[in-house]
């Protein structure tokens, strides 16, 4: 789900958002399910995360490796593309 007011997107959702991205200038802030910021990512590192080249760790230390998450828990690629377009512009 994309929030136009805040320009954010839920990236992993298991019966509620586990990881979301919030636009912050030309970067994004990754926020966990407890609304704690866990990483600041530029476009290149965000793509690395989505390709599985790196993992993110929530504020409790749980690893979130994007490609390892259940397909239905991951955000639709088309929604990610729209978010990326807005981020790059």
Protein backbone atom coordinates (compact mmCIF):
# COMPACT_ATOMS: atom_id res chain seq x y z
CA UNK A 1 0.00 0.00 0.00
CA UNK A 2 1.35 3.45 -0.90
CA UNK A 3 0.59 6.40 1.32
CA UNK A 4 0.51 9.62 -0.76
CA UNK A 5 0.62 11.97 2.23
CA UNK A 6 3.87 10.54 3.58
CA UNK A 7 5.15 8.80 0.39
CA UNK A 8 5.69 5.45 1.97
CA UNK A 9 5.15 1.84 0.99
CA UNK A 10 4.78 -1.40 2.93
CA UNK A 11 7.40 -3.80 1.62
CA UNK A 12 6.69 -6.86 3.79
CA UNK A 13 3.28 -7.49 5.35
CA UNK A 14 2.31 -10.50 7.47
CA UNK A 15 -1.17 -9.62 8.76
CA UNK A 16 0.20 -6.12 9.28
CA UNK A 17 3.21 -4.17 8.03
CA UNK A 18 6.53 -5.68 9.11
CA UNK A 19 8.76 -3.42 7.04
CA UNK A 20 7.91 -0.18 5.29
CA UNK A 21 9.90 2.43 3.43
CA UNK A 22 9.43 6.15 3.95
CA UNK A 23 10.79 8.68 1.49
CA UNK A 24 13.41 10.99 2.97
CA UNK A 25 14.82 13.24 0.29
CA UNK A 26 16.59 11.08 -2.29
CA UNK A 27 16.86 8.20 0.23
CA UNK A 28 14.35 6.03 2.07
CA UNK A 29 14.13 5.17 5.75
CA UNK A 30 13.29 1.53 6.47
CA UNK A 31 10.95 1.29 9.45
CA UNK A 32 10.07 -1.92 11.30
CA UNK A 33 6.77 -3.15 12.75
CA UNK A 34 7.39 -1.17 15.95
CA UNK A 35 7.80 2.06 13.93
CA UNK A 36 11.52 2.13 14.69
CA UNK A 37 13.82 3.36 11.92
CA UNK A 38 16.29 0.57 11.14
CA UNK A 39 18.19 1.75 8.05
CA UNK A 40 18.67 4.65 5.68
CA UNK A 41 18.94 3.38 2.11
CA UNK A 42 19.88 5.11 -1.09
CA UNK A 43 18.41 3.85 -4.36
CA UNK A 44 21.32 1.48 -5.02
CA UNK A 45 21.24 -0.14 -1.56
CA UNK A 46 17.45 -0.44 -1.76
CA UNK A 47 17.78 -2.41 -4.99
CA UNK A 48 20.47 -4.56 -3.36
CA UNK A 49 18.04 -5.36 -0.53
CA UNK A 50 15.21 -6.25 -2.92
CA UNK A 51 17.53 -8.48 -4.98
CA UNK A 52 18.61 -10.31 -1.82
CA UNK A 53 22.20 -9.09 -1.83
CA UNK A 54 21.76 -7.79 1.73
CA UNK A 55 19.36 -8.20 4.64
CA UNK A 56 17.80 -5.71 7.02
CA UNK A 57 17.48 -6.32 10.76
CA UNK A 58 14.58 -4.97 12.77
CA UNK A 59 14.96 -3.27 16.16
CA UNK A 60 14.63 -6.66 17.90
CA UNK A 61 17.42 -8.19 15.78
CA UNK A 62 15.26 -10.30 13.45
CA UNK A 63 16.68 -10.65 9.94
CA UNK A 64 14.46 -9.68 6.99
CA UNK A 65 15.87 -11.08 3.76
CA UNK A 66 13.41 -9.90 1.11
CA UNK A 67 13.52 -12.80 -1.40
CA UNK A 68 13.13 -15.32 1.45
CA UNK A 69 9.75 -13.88 2.50
CA UNK A 70 6.55 -15.55 1.38
CA UNK A 71 5.47 -14.28 -2.04
CA UNK A 72 2.12 -13.04 -0.69
CA UNK A 73 3.84 -11.08 2.09
CA UNK A 74 6.01 -9.12 -0.36
CA UNK A 75 4.71 -5.98 -2.03
CA UNK A 76 3.58 -6.30 -5.63
CA UNK A 77 6.39 -5.40 -8.04
CA UNK A 78 4.14 -2.91 -9.86
CA UNK A 79 3.55 -0.96 -6.64
CA UNK A 80 7.29 -0.93 -6.00
CA UNK A 81 7.89 0.41 -9.54
CA UNK A 82 5.45 3.29 -8.94
CA UNK A 83 7.16 4.08 -5.63
CA UNK A 84 10.59 4.00 -7.33
CA UNK A 85 9.41 6.35 -10.08
CA UNK A 86 8.25 8.89 -7.48
CA UNK A 87 11.47 8.44 -5.52
CA UNK A 88 13.67 9.03 -8.56
CA UNK A 89 11.75 12.16 -9.66
